[in-house]
Protein backbone atom coordinates (compact mmCIF):
# COMPACT_ATOMS: atom_id res chain seq x y z
CA UNK A 1 12.15 -26.59 13.81
CA UNK A 2 10.14 -23.91 12.15
CA UNK A 3 7.58 -25.06 9.65
CA UNK A 4 5.96 -23.69 6.62
CA UNK A 5 2.68 -25.64 6.09
CA UNK A 6 4.01 -28.59 7.83
CA UNK A 7 7.54 -28.69 6.22
CA UNK A 8 10.59 -28.24 8.22
CA UNK A 9 12.71 -25.10 7.65
CA UNK A 10 16.21 -25.21 9.30
CA UNK A 11 17.12 -22.39 11.60
CA UNK A 12 20.06 -20.32 10.87
CA UNK A 13 22.39 -19.21 13.61
CA UNK A 14 23.13 -15.47 14.12
CA UNK A 15 26.62 -13.86 14.21
CA UNK A 16 28.32 -13.58 17.59
CA UNK A 17 26.94 -10.83 19.77
CA UNK A 18 23.41 -10.96 18.61
CA UNK A 19 21.12 -10.88 21.57
CA UNK A 20 19.70 -14.38 22.75
CA UNK A 21 16.15 -14.26 21.17
CA UNK A 22 14.49 -15.29 18.07
CA UNK A 23 14.36 -12.52 15.50
CA UNK A 24 11.56 -13.45 13.33
CA UNK A 25 11.34 -10.31 11.27
CA UNK A 26 7.81 -9.43 12.04
CA UNK A 27 6.70 -13.02 13.11
CA UNK A 28 6.55 -16.28 11.36
CA UNK A 29 2.81 -16.37 11.70
CA UNK A 30 2.61 -13.46 9.46
CA UNK A 31 4.72 -14.97 6.94
CA UNK A 32 2.79 -17.97 6.58
CA UNK A 33 -0.60 -16.19 6.25
CA UNK A 34 -0.15 -15.97 2.50
CA UNK A 35 -3.69 -15.76 1.22
CA UNK A 36 -4.33 -16.51 -2.38
CA UNK A 37 -7.67 -14.69 -2.80
CA UNK A 38 -8.07 -11.22 -4.35
CA UNK A 39 -8.09 -8.26 -2.12
CA UNK A 40 -8.61 -4.57 -2.93
CA UNK A 41 -5.70 -2.44 -3.52
CA UNK A 42 -4.59 -1.21 -0.05
CA UNK A 43 -1.53 1.15 -0.54
CA UNK A 44 0.54 2.85 -3.25
CA UNK A 45 2.45 0.68 -5.37
CA UNK A 46 1.81 2.17 -8.71
CA UNK A 47 -0.96 2.37 -11.40
CA UNK A 48 -2.51 -0.36 -13.47
CA UNK A 49 -0.39 -1.27 -16.55
CA UNK A 50 -1.68 -0.10 -19.97
CA UNK A 51 -5.22 -1.23 -20.95
CA UNK A 52 -5.72 -3.01 -17.58
CA UNK A 53 -8.71 -1.58 -15.80
CA UNK A 54 -9.27 -3.91 -12.83
CA UNK A 55 -5.98 -4.43 -11.04
CA UNK A 56 -7.31 -2.83 -7.94
CA UNK A 57 -9.34 -5.82 -7.11
CA UNK A 58 -6.64 -8.33 -7.64
CA UNK A 59 -3.51 -7.81 -5.61
CA UNK A 60 -2.72 -5.69 -2.59
CA UNK A 61 -0.11 -3.93 -4.72
CA UNK A 62 -1.48 -3.28 -8.32
CA UNK A 63 1.99 -2.50 -9.74
CA UNK A 64 3.51 0.20 -11.67
CA UNK A 65 2.83 0.47 -15.42
CA UNK A 66 4.70 -1.92 -17.68
CA UNK A 67 5.76 -1.29 -21.15
CA UNK A 68 2.83 -1.31 -23.53
CA UNK A 69 3.87 -4.41 -25.19
CA UNK A 70 6.51 -5.32 -27.75
CA UNK A 71 7.26 -7.95 -30.15
CA UNK A 72 4.74 -7.04 -32.76
CA UNK A 73 1.82 -4.74 -33.65
CA UNK A 74 -0.21 -4.08 -30.60
CA UNK A 75 -3.26 -4.68 -32.76
CA UNK A 76 -4.51 -1.01 -32.69
CA UNK A 77 -3.35 1.97 -34.41
CA UNK A 78 -4.72 4.20 -37.10
CA UNK A 79 -6.30 2.10 -39.84
CA UNK A 80 -7.85 5.08 -41.74
CA UNK A 81 -11.46 5.76 -42.45
CA UNK A 82 -14.00 3.66 -44.31
CA UNK A 83 -13.30 0.06 -44.54
CA UNK A 84 -9.55 0.24 -45.39
CA UNK A 85 -7.37 -2.39 -44.26
CA UNK A 86 -4.44 -0.12 -43.20
CA UNK A 87 -0.69 -0.87 -42.90
CA UNK A 88 0.48 -0.73 -46.47
CA UNK A 89 -0.80 2.47 -47.71
CA UNK A 90 0.42 5.87 -46.44
CA UNK A 91 0.15 9.43 -47.31
CA UNK A 92 1.65 12.55 -45.71
CA UNK A 93 3.09 10.50 -42.77
CA UNK A 94 -0.29 8.71 -41.83
CA UNK A 95 -1.65 5.25 -42.58
CA UNK A 96 -4.67 5.47 -44.93
CA UNK A 97 -6.85 2.52 -45.95
CA UNK A 98 -5.81 0.82 -49.30
CA UNK A 99 -9.45 0.48 -50.14
CA UNK A 100 -12.31 2.72 -49.46
CA UNK A 101 -16.09 1.74 -50.28
CA UNK A 102 -16.86 5.21 -51.44
CA UNK A 103 -13.31 6.45 -52.80
CA UNK A 104 -12.14 3.19 -54.42
CA UNK A 105 -8.35 2.09 -54.36
CA UNK A 106 -5.60 4.16 -53.13
CA UNK A 107 -2.43 5.08 -55.34
CA UNK A 108 0.65 5.33 -53.16
CA UNK A 109 2.56 7.22 -55.92
CA UNK A 110 0.08 10.13 -56.02
CA UNK A 111 -1.95 10.09 -52.90
CA UNK A 112 -5.15 9.81 -54.65
CA UNK A 113 -8.03 7.39 -54.62
CA UNK A 114 -9.52 6.03 -57.87
CA UNK A 115 -12.88 4.25 -58.71
CA UNK A 116 -14.57 3.78 -62.02
CA UNK A 117 -16.66 6.46 -63.12
CA UNK A 118 -20.40 5.55 -63.27
CA UNK A 119 -21.80 5.92 -65.89
CA UNK A 120 -19.03 6.00 -68.14
CA UNK A 121 -18.70 8.98 -70.41
CA UNK A 122 -17.64 8.38 -74.08
CA UNK A 123 -14.08 7.32 -74.43
CA UNK A 124 -11.37 6.36 -76.97
CA UNK A 125 -11.00 2.58 -77.34
CA UNK A 126 -8.70 1.09 -74.56
CA UNK A 127 -9.19 4.21 -72.39
CA UNK A 128 -11.31 4.21 -69.09
CA UNK A 129 -12.73 7.18 -66.97
CA UNK A 130 -11.93 7.16 -63.28
CA UNK A 131 -13.30 9.20 -60.44
CA UNK A 132 -9.95 10.65 -58.73
CA UNK A 133 -9.96 11.95 -55.16
CA UNK A 134 -6.61 13.27 -53.93
CA UNK A 135 -4.67 14.26 -50.75
CA UNK A 136 -5.29 10.99 -49.18
CA UNK A 137 -9.03 11.38 -49.43
CA UNK A 138 -9.29 13.99 -46.93
CA UNK A 139 -9.40 17.05 -49.24
CA UNK A 140 -9.75 18.18 -52.80
CA UNK A 141 -12.40 17.84 -55.41
CA UNK A 142 -13.38 14.69 -57.01
CA UNK A 143 -12.66 14.84 -60.79
CA UNK A 144 -12.99 12.49 -63.73
CA UNK A 145 -9.72 11.60 -65.45
CA UNK A 146 -9.29 9.40 -68.51
CA UNK A 147 -6.55 6.87 -68.43
CA UNK A 148 -5.18 4.35 -70.71
CA UNK A 149 -4.18 1.88 -67.94
CA UNK A 150 -5.48 1.36 -64.42
CA UNK A 151 -3.63 3.37 -61.86
CA UNK A 152 -1.32 1.70 -59.49
CA UNK A 153 -2.99 -0.29 -56.78
CA UNK A 154 -6.43 -0.24 -58.52
CA UNK A 155 -8.29 -3.52 -58.17
CA UNK A 156 -5.93 -5.05 -55.75
CA UNK A 157 -7.49 -7.62 -53.57
CA UNK A 158 -7.36 -7.10 -49.87
CA UNK A 159 -4.31 -8.36 -48.15
CA UNK A 160 -5.15 -11.38 -45.86
CA UNK A 161 -2.57 -10.38 -43.18
CA UNK A 162 -3.99 -6.64 -43.30
CA UNK A 163 -7.46 -8.19 -42.50
CA UNK A 164 -5.93 -10.20 -39.68
CA UNK A 165 -4.54 -7.03 -38.05
CA UNK A 166 -7.77 -5.38 -38.42
CA UNK A 167 -9.46 -8.32 -36.74
CA UNK A 168 -6.77 -8.21 -33.88
CA UNK A 169 -7.55 -4.35 -33.47
CA UNK A 170 -11.03 -5.54 -32.55
CA UNK A 171 -10.14 -7.53 -29.52
CA UNK A 172 -8.24 -6.78 -26.24
CA UNK A 173 -5.15 -8.75 -25.26
CA UNK A 174 -4.84 -7.52 -21.75
CA UNK A 175 -1.56 -7.41 -19.80
CA UNK A 176 -1.25 -10.22 -17.14
CA UNK A 177 -2.97 -9.55 -13.85
CA UNK A 178 -0.35 -10.92 -11.35
CA UNK A 179 -0.12 -12.15 -7.89
CA UNK A 180 2.68 -13.84 -5.63
CA UNK A 181 3.20 -15.50 -2.37
CA UNK A 182 4.60 -14.17 -0.16
CA UNK A 183 2.73 -11.08 -0.55
CA UNK A 184 3.61 -7.69 1.06
CA UNK A 185 0.27 -7.35 2.49
CA UNK A 186 0.48 -10.58 4.50
CA UNK A 187 4.12 -10.28 5.80
CA UNK A 188 7.74 -10.92 4.39
CA UNK A 189 9.04 -14.17 2.92
CA UNK A 190 12.31 -15.98 4.02
CA UNK A 191 15.35 -16.71 2.06
CA UNK A 192 15.59 -20.04 0.42
CA UNK A 193 11.77 -20.65 0.73
CA UNK A 194 9.76 -21.18 -2.63
CA UNK A 195 7.83 -18.39 -4.17
CA UNK A 196 4.54 -19.05 -5.94
CA UNK A 197 3.42 -16.86 -9.01
CA UNK A 198 0.06 -16.86 -10.78
CA UNK A 199 -2.00 -14.63 -12.95
CA UNK A 200 -5.57 -14.31 -13.75
CA UNK A 201 -6.62 -17.14 -16.06
CA UNK A 202 -9.42 -15.16 -17.84
CA UNK A 203 -9.69 -15.28 -21.63
CA UNK A 204 -8.65 -11.70 -22.05
CA UNK A 205 -5.45 -12.48 -20.16
CA UNK A 206 -4.59 -15.84 -21.75
CA UNK A 207 -7.09 -16.67 -24.49
CA UNK A 208 -8.33 -18.21 -26.53
CA UNK A 209 -9.90 -15.16 -28.24
CA UNK A 210 -11.39 -15.27 -31.86
CA UNK A 211 -12.36 -12.47 -34.13
CA UNK A 212 -12.64 -12.15 -38.01
CA UNK A 213 -12.66 -9.32 -40.46
CA UNK A 214 -14.01 -9.20 -44.04
CA UNK A 215 -13.52 -7.01 -47.08
CA UNK A 216 -14.51 -7.34 -50.76
CA UNK A 217 -15.49 -10.99 -50.36
CA UNK A 218 -12.47 -12.20 -48.43
CA UNK A 219 -12.88 -13.14 -44.71
CA UNK A 220 -10.00 -13.77 -42.52
CA UNK A 221 -10.43 -15.29 -39.09
CA UNK A 222 -7.90 -15.18 -36.11
CA UNK A 223 -7.42 -17.01 -32.87
CA UNK A 224 -5.23 -15.47 -30.20
CA UNK A 225 -3.73 -17.40 -27.29
CA UNK A 226 -0.95 -17.07 -24.82
CA UNK A 227 1.87 -19.68 -25.34
CA UNK A 228 3.98 -18.83 -22.36
CA UNK A 229 4.36 -16.41 -19.61
CA UNK A 230 7.73 -15.17 -18.41
CA UNK A 231 8.36 -13.90 -14.95
CA UNK A 232 11.04 -11.48 -13.98
CA UNK A 233 11.97 -12.00 -10.27
CA UNK A 234 13.71 -8.90 -9.80
CA UNK A 235 17.03 -10.54 -9.06
CA UNK A 236 17.96 -11.41 -12.62
CA UNK A 237 16.13 -14.49 -12.58
CA UNK A 238 13.40 -15.55 -15.28
CA UNK A 239 10.93 -18.23 -14.77
CA UNK A 240 8.95 -19.30 -17.70
CA UNK A 241 5.66 -21.06 -17.18
CA UNK A 242 3.15 -22.42 -19.63
CA UNK A 243 0.07 -21.46 -18.04
CA UNK A 244 -1.37 -18.92 -15.56
CA UNK A 245 -0.22 -20.86 -12.42
CA UNK A 246 -1.99 -21.95 -9.22
CA UNK A 247 -3.12 -19.52 -6.46
CA UNK A 248 -1.39 -20.21 -3.11
CA UNK A 249 -3.48 -21.04 -0.11
CA UNK A 250 -1.84 -21.05 3.29
CA UNK A 251 -4.34 -23.81 4.43
CA UNK A 252 -4.02 -25.81 1.16
CA UNK A 253 -2.18 -29.26 0.87
CA UNK A 254 0.74 -27.77 -0.78
CA UNK A 255 1.31 -24.93 1.79
CA UNK A 256 4.99 -24.41 2.13
CA UNK A 257 5.87 -26.46 -0.77
CA UNK A 258 6.89 -25.47 -4.30
CA UNK A 259 4.20 -24.49 -6.72
CA UNK A 260 2.89 -27.43 -8.77
CA UNK A 261 3.26 -25.50 -12.01
CA UNK A 262 4.66 -21.94 -11.67
CA UNK A 263 7.13 -20.94 -9.05
CA UNK A 264 10.46 -19.83 -8.18
CA UNK A 265 11.20 -23.19 -6.44
CA UNK A 266 14.65 -22.39 -4.99
CA UNK A 267 13.63 -19.09 -3.55
CA UNK A 268 15.66 -15.83 -3.14
CA UNK A 269 19.23 -16.18 -2.17
CA UNK A 270 19.55 -13.05 -0.08
CA UNK A 271 17.28 -10.61 2.01
CA UNK A 272 15.91 -7.60 0.02
CA UNK A 273 12.81 -6.31 -1.49
CA UNK A 274 12.40 -7.57 -5.04
CA UNK A 275 9.89 -6.43 -7.66
CA UNK A 276 8.24 -9.05 -9.79
CA UNK A 277 6.79 -8.67 -13.06
CA UNK A 278 5.51 -10.90 -15.82
CA UNK A 279 5.23 -10.83 -19.70
CA UNK A 280 2.72 -12.92 -21.74
CA UNK A 281 3.68 -14.13 -25.23
CA UNK A 282 0.69 -14.25 -27.56
CA UNK A 283 0.44 -16.04 -30.79
CA UNK A 284 -2.24 -14.78 -33.12
CA UNK A 285 -2.81 -17.30 -35.87
CA UNK A 286 -4.82 -16.26 -38.85
CA UNK A 287 -6.25 -17.94 -41.92
CA UNK A 288 -8.32 -16.90 -45.02
CA UNK A 289 -8.02 -16.56 -48.85
CA UNK A 290 -6.01 -19.69 -48.94
CA UNK A 291 -3.20 -18.15 -46.83
CA UNK A 292 -2.31 -18.45 -43.10
CA UNK A 293 0.28 -17.03 -40.70
CA UNK A 294 1.05 -15.94 -37.09
CA UNK A 295 1.39 -12.56 -35.52
CA UNK A 296 3.44 -12.25 -32.45
CA UNK A 297 2.26 -10.17 -29.55
CA UNK A 298 3.52 -9.44 -26.03
CA UNK A 299 1.83 -8.02 -23.00
CA UNK A 300 3.71 -6.71 -19.93
CA UNK A 301 2.21 -6.45 -16.39
CA UNK A 302 3.05 -3.93 -13.78
CA UNK A 303 5.40 -5.02 -10.93
CA UNK A 304 4.73 -5.85 -7.48
CA UNK A 305 7.15 -5.99 -4.55
CA UNK A 306 8.17 -9.13 -2.60
CA UNK A 307 9.93 -8.70 0.73
CA UNK A 308 12.44 -11.33 1.67
CA UNK A 309 14.02 -11.53 5.10
CA UNK A 310 16.61 -13.92 6.49
CA UNK A 311 15.33 -15.85 9.56
CA UNK A 312 17.95 -15.51 12.51
CA UNK A 313 17.79 -17.72 15.58
CA UNK A 314 20.35 -17.68 18.50
CA UNK A 315 21.49 -21.19 19.39
CA UNK A 316 23.29 -22.65 22.22
């Protein structure tokens, strides 16, 4: 009986004609030495995924870049100059701030900023002088214009969700930094044995992260945290975990057993090399100005290979 961490693993008979010897596919001792501690990158397996700068000290295979994240605004992007909130005001194909401390409020209809002229020149009753800056605030002279009614967008209070997105842009939600056991650097796994998955539990990978943004007397606060991590096992199976998981230790009390909180317990059904990746699903909760809401975010890891062999033993 072959054991993984003390638990029996039944031997599988080979087909007729196989030489009478144990075919351990590189040795069971190599299989069981599944260390859980980080090691430096040893061979080519790809590059860090987007925004990840430290994968070379985590797994032996840093993984190939994942998608930059979907399911919501990544929290960055061009928000324009000045103190604008971005997102709802656009001109000439680019996002511009809806309010600027120097230029005033933006009018989507004509691409100009407006602010009250100071001091106010003489004006007919009911009319007001404004300083107008056109072309999205990037070119053109400032001129005084006399208007009977405020231009569109003038005096609009800051939008709380836009402030929340500005706060989100100030923090980094990093893609998960993942590891698995069995690991390619330690040897192949076997068909039917449980697989352990885990990820770095740091705040930048799982939260909570907090930030705030203020504009014209309104402050919006956000809290970002991962609500689940979904592992793609490379064979069409997805495993959902609620936390980063537990690192595997070959000498630990659960060696050879399923992970206590994040694992592919049934293992792979056939021998092959599979690529494993993970996606973290973030919820960014914001509140301010008497309003609140959530912004969905995802971050995608690179992939790492898992080699699975079928243990064959001659009997009789």
